[in-house]
Protein backbone atom coordinates (compact mmCIF):
# COMPACT_ATOMS: atom_id res chain seq x y z
CA MET A 1 21.50 -4.56 -6.81
CA SER A 2 18.73 -2.27 -5.62
CA LEU A 3 15.08 -3.08 -6.24
CA VAL A 4 14.23 0.57 -5.59
CA VAL A 5 14.39 2.93 -8.57
CA PRO A 6 14.11 6.73 -8.90
CA TYR A 7 10.64 8.26 -9.05
CA ASP A 8 8.87 8.08 -12.41
CA PRO A 9 6.27 10.83 -13.02
CA ALA A 10 4.24 8.34 -15.11
CA TRP A 11 3.48 6.32 -11.95
CA ARG A 12 0.76 8.70 -10.82
CA ASP A 13 -1.34 8.52 -14.00
CA ARG A 14 -0.85 4.78 -14.34
CA GLY A 15 -1.84 4.26 -10.70
CA VAL A 16 -5.05 6.24 -11.25
CA ALA A 17 -5.79 4.21 -14.40
CA LEU A 18 -5.15 0.91 -12.61
CA ALA A 19 -7.44 1.94 -9.75
CA ALA A 20 -10.21 2.74 -12.26
CA GLU A 21 -9.67 -0.57 -14.09
CA ILE A 22 -9.90 -2.52 -10.85
CA ARG A 23 -12.92 -0.55 -9.63
CA ASP A 24 -14.73 -1.35 -12.89
CA ALA A 25 -13.85 -5.05 -12.61
CA LEU A 26 -14.95 -5.39 -8.98
CA GLY A 27 -18.25 -3.54 -9.08
CA PRO A 28 -20.22 -2.24 -6.10
CA LEU A 29 -18.55 -4.41 -3.44
CA ALA A 30 -15.52 -2.15 -3.89
CA VAL A 31 -16.41 0.89 -1.77
CA ARG A 32 -13.33 2.67 -3.12
CA VAL A 33 -10.08 1.82 -4.87
CA GLU A 34 -7.03 4.01 -4.35
CA HIS A 35 -3.42 4.15 -5.45
CA ILE A 36 -1.33 3.89 -2.26
CA GLY A 37 2.29 3.16 -1.41
CA SER A 38 5.47 4.76 -2.63
CA THR A 39 4.55 4.97 -6.33
CA SER A 40 1.61 7.20 -5.31
CA ILE A 41 3.90 9.78 -3.67
CA PRO A 42 5.38 12.37 -6.07
CA GLY A 43 9.19 12.33 -5.92
CA MET A 44 9.47 9.07 -3.93
CA ALA A 45 11.91 6.42 -5.10
CA ALA A 46 10.17 3.05 -5.08
CA LYS A 47 10.10 -0.52 -6.22
CA PRO A 48 8.40 -0.23 -9.63
CA LEU A 49 5.31 -1.95 -8.28
CA TYR A 50 1.85 -0.43 -7.89
CA ASP A 51 0.22 -0.83 -4.50
CA LEU A 52 -3.52 -0.31 -4.66
CA GLN A 53 -6.11 -0.57 -1.92
CA VAL A 54 -9.71 -1.66 -2.30
CA SER A 55 -11.95 -0.82 0.64
CA VAL A 56 -14.92 -3.08 1.34
CA THR A 57 -17.62 -3.46 3.99
CA ASP A 58 -17.29 -7.26 4.32
CA LEU A 59 -13.86 -8.78 3.80
CA GLU A 60 -14.98 -12.40 3.42
CA GLU A 61 -17.78 -11.61 0.96
CA ALA A 62 -15.51 -9.39 -1.11
CA ALA A 63 -12.64 -11.87 -1.12
CA ALA A 64 -14.88 -14.63 -2.46
CA ALA A 65 -16.40 -12.36 -5.09
CA PHE A 66 -13.11 -10.78 -6.23
CA ASP A 67 -11.07 -13.90 -7.09
CA LYS A 68 -12.58 -14.40 -10.55
CA PRO A 69 -12.58 -10.80 -11.86
CA LEU A 70 -9.08 -10.21 -10.50
CA ALA A 71 -7.82 -13.41 -12.13
CA GLY A 72 -9.09 -11.91 -15.39
CA LEU A 73 -6.69 -9.02 -14.77
CA GLY A 74 -3.82 -11.40 -14.04
CA LEU A 75 -4.00 -10.94 -10.27
CA GLY A 76 -3.77 -14.05 -8.08
CA ARG A 77 -4.62 -14.40 -4.39
CA ARG A 78 -1.65 -14.45 -2.06
CA PRO A 79 -1.57 -16.15 1.35
CA TRP A 80 -0.98 -13.06 3.51
CA GLU A 81 -4.16 -12.18 5.39
CA ARG A 82 -2.98 -9.70 8.00
CA ASP A 83 -0.94 -6.52 8.08
CA HIS A 84 1.85 -5.64 10.49
CA VAL A 85 0.41 -4.04 13.64
CA PRO A 86 2.48 -0.90 14.29
CA ALA A 87 4.49 -0.66 17.49
CA GLY A 88 2.50 0.99 20.24
CA HIS A 89 -0.87 -0.22 18.96
CA ASP A 90 -2.62 -2.67 21.21
CA ASP A 91 -5.29 -3.62 18.69
CA PRO A 92 -6.04 -7.29 18.33
CA PRO A 93 -4.32 -8.53 15.15
CA SER A 94 -7.75 -9.45 13.73
CA ARG A 95 -8.47 -5.72 13.29
CA TRP A 96 -5.59 -5.68 10.78
CA ALA A 97 -7.05 -8.38 8.53
CA LYS A 98 -6.79 -8.07 4.77
CA ARG A 99 -6.73 -10.06 1.58
CA LEU A 100 -4.02 -9.63 -1.01
CA TRP A 101 -3.83 -10.26 -4.75
CA SER A 102 -0.78 -9.62 -6.88
CA ARG A 103 0.73 -9.96 -10.29
CA SER A 104 4.38 -9.75 -11.16
CA SER A 105 4.05 -9.93 -14.92
CA PRO A 106 3.24 -7.32 -17.57
CA PRO A 107 1.78 -4.89 -18.09
CA GLU A 108 3.15 -3.98 -14.63
CA PRO A 109 3.53 -5.52 -11.18
CA VAL A 110 0.62 -4.84 -8.80
CA ASN A 111 -0.20 -5.59 -5.18
CA LEU A 112 -3.89 -5.16 -4.42
CA HIS A 113 -4.61 -4.89 -0.71
CA CYS A 114 -8.25 -5.47 0.24
CA ARG A 115 -9.15 -3.99 3.63
CA VAL A 116 -12.31 -3.20 5.54
CA ALA A 117 -13.43 0.42 5.19
CA GLY A 118 -12.76 2.22 8.45
CA SER A 119 -10.26 -0.38 9.70
CA PRO A 120 -6.94 0.78 11.15
CA ASN A 121 -4.92 -0.77 8.30
CA GLU A 122 -7.08 0.90 5.63
CA ARG A 123 -6.58 4.23 7.40
CA LEU A 124 -2.84 3.72 7.88
CA ALA A 125 -2.22 3.16 4.16
CA LEU A 126 -3.99 6.41 3.30
CA LEU A 127 -2.38 8.37 6.15
CA PHE A 128 1.11 7.21 5.14
CA ARG A 129 0.54 8.34 1.56
CA ASP A 130 -1.10 11.65 2.44
CA TRP A 131 1.44 12.58 5.11
CA PHE A 132 4.29 12.20 2.64
CA ARG A 133 2.36 14.15 0.00
CA ALA A 134 2.02 16.98 2.53
CA HIS A 135 5.67 16.75 3.69
CA GLU A 136 7.75 16.63 0.54
CA LEU A 137 10.92 17.52 2.47
CA ALA A 138 10.72 14.09 4.16
CA ILE A 139 10.61 12.22 0.85
CA PRO A 140 14.37 12.26 0.03
CA ALA A 141 15.31 10.84 3.47
CA TYR A 142 12.79 8.01 3.31
CA ALA A 143 13.70 7.29 -0.32
CA ARG A 144 17.40 7.15 0.61
CA PHE A 145 16.61 4.74 3.45
CA LYS A 146 14.70 2.45 1.05
CA GLU A 147 17.45 2.59 -1.57
CA SER A 148 20.14 1.73 1.02
CA LEU A 149 18.03 -1.04 2.51
CA SER A 150 17.28 -2.52 -0.88
CA SER A 151 20.97 -2.47 -1.83
CA ALA A 152 21.89 -4.15 1.46
CA VAL A 153 19.31 -6.96 1.36
CA GLY A 154 19.13 -7.60 -2.38
CA ASP A 155 16.06 -9.58 -3.37
CA ASP A 156 15.29 -10.84 0.16
CA MET A 157 11.84 -9.25 0.40
CA ASP A 158 11.11 -10.77 3.81
CA LEU A 159 14.19 -9.11 5.31
CA TYR A 160 13.41 -5.87 3.45
CA THR A 161 9.94 -5.82 5.02
CA ASP A 162 11.17 -6.80 8.49
CA VAL A 163 13.64 -3.90 8.54
CA LYS A 164 11.29 -1.39 6.91
CA ASP A 165 8.26 -2.00 9.18
CA PRO A 166 9.71 -0.26 12.29
CA VAL A 167 10.71 2.74 10.16
CA VAL A 168 7.15 2.91 8.80
CA ASP A 169 6.01 2.82 12.44
CA LEU A 170 8.13 5.93 13.11
CA VAL A 171 6.63 7.74 10.12
CA VAL A 172 3.12 6.78 11.22
CA ALA A 173 3.72 8.09 14.75
CA VAL A 174 4.58 11.51 13.32
CA ALA A 175 1.80 11.29 10.74
CA GLU A 176 -0.76 10.58 13.47
CA GLU A 177 0.21 13.83 15.21
CA TRP A 178 -0.14 15.68 11.88
CA ALA A 179 -3.56 14.08 11.32
CA ALA A 180 -4.75 15.21 14.76
CA VAL A 181 -3.51 18.78 14.28
CA THR A 182 -4.84 19.19 10.73
CA GLY A 183 -8.07 17.24 11.09
CA TRP A 184 -7.01 14.81 8.33
CA THR A 185 -9.36 11.89 7.84
CA ALA A 186 -9.25 8.90 5.55
């Protein structure tokens, strides 16, 4: 059984609404809150889960301050505190630090990634989203890959992530070239 479902046009508006709800709950420590990930890309098949990113200036201060308001929204802190460093990057893993909150229950599943503004992982999440938005012809191939992968691994999310990460690295390599040519910035 595949965890990935066809694109739902309602995802965009709901992602924007969730970002606003979270921004209101977190206050001024949240520099910005954005809908990222596959549900933010028109036409992309995805797990029906909203990935959002909150950018902050101080990760530790924000993490401590965010636990209570996010708990009020049903989001609990998860143990993962670092993102995958893409192949070819020689950054120290500490530059890819984050904090993560999630909820799997109604009204909808959410992963909230908290990253430092200007960090490589904050930028990568936005670049990935924006590159696909600018290259809609690439969406069906990536969606097909995710659907096939999901069908093959079932509900083993660790294996799903382990196989998907190198493919994301390939997309990012091409997206970085596009960013340089177009002058895209986060």
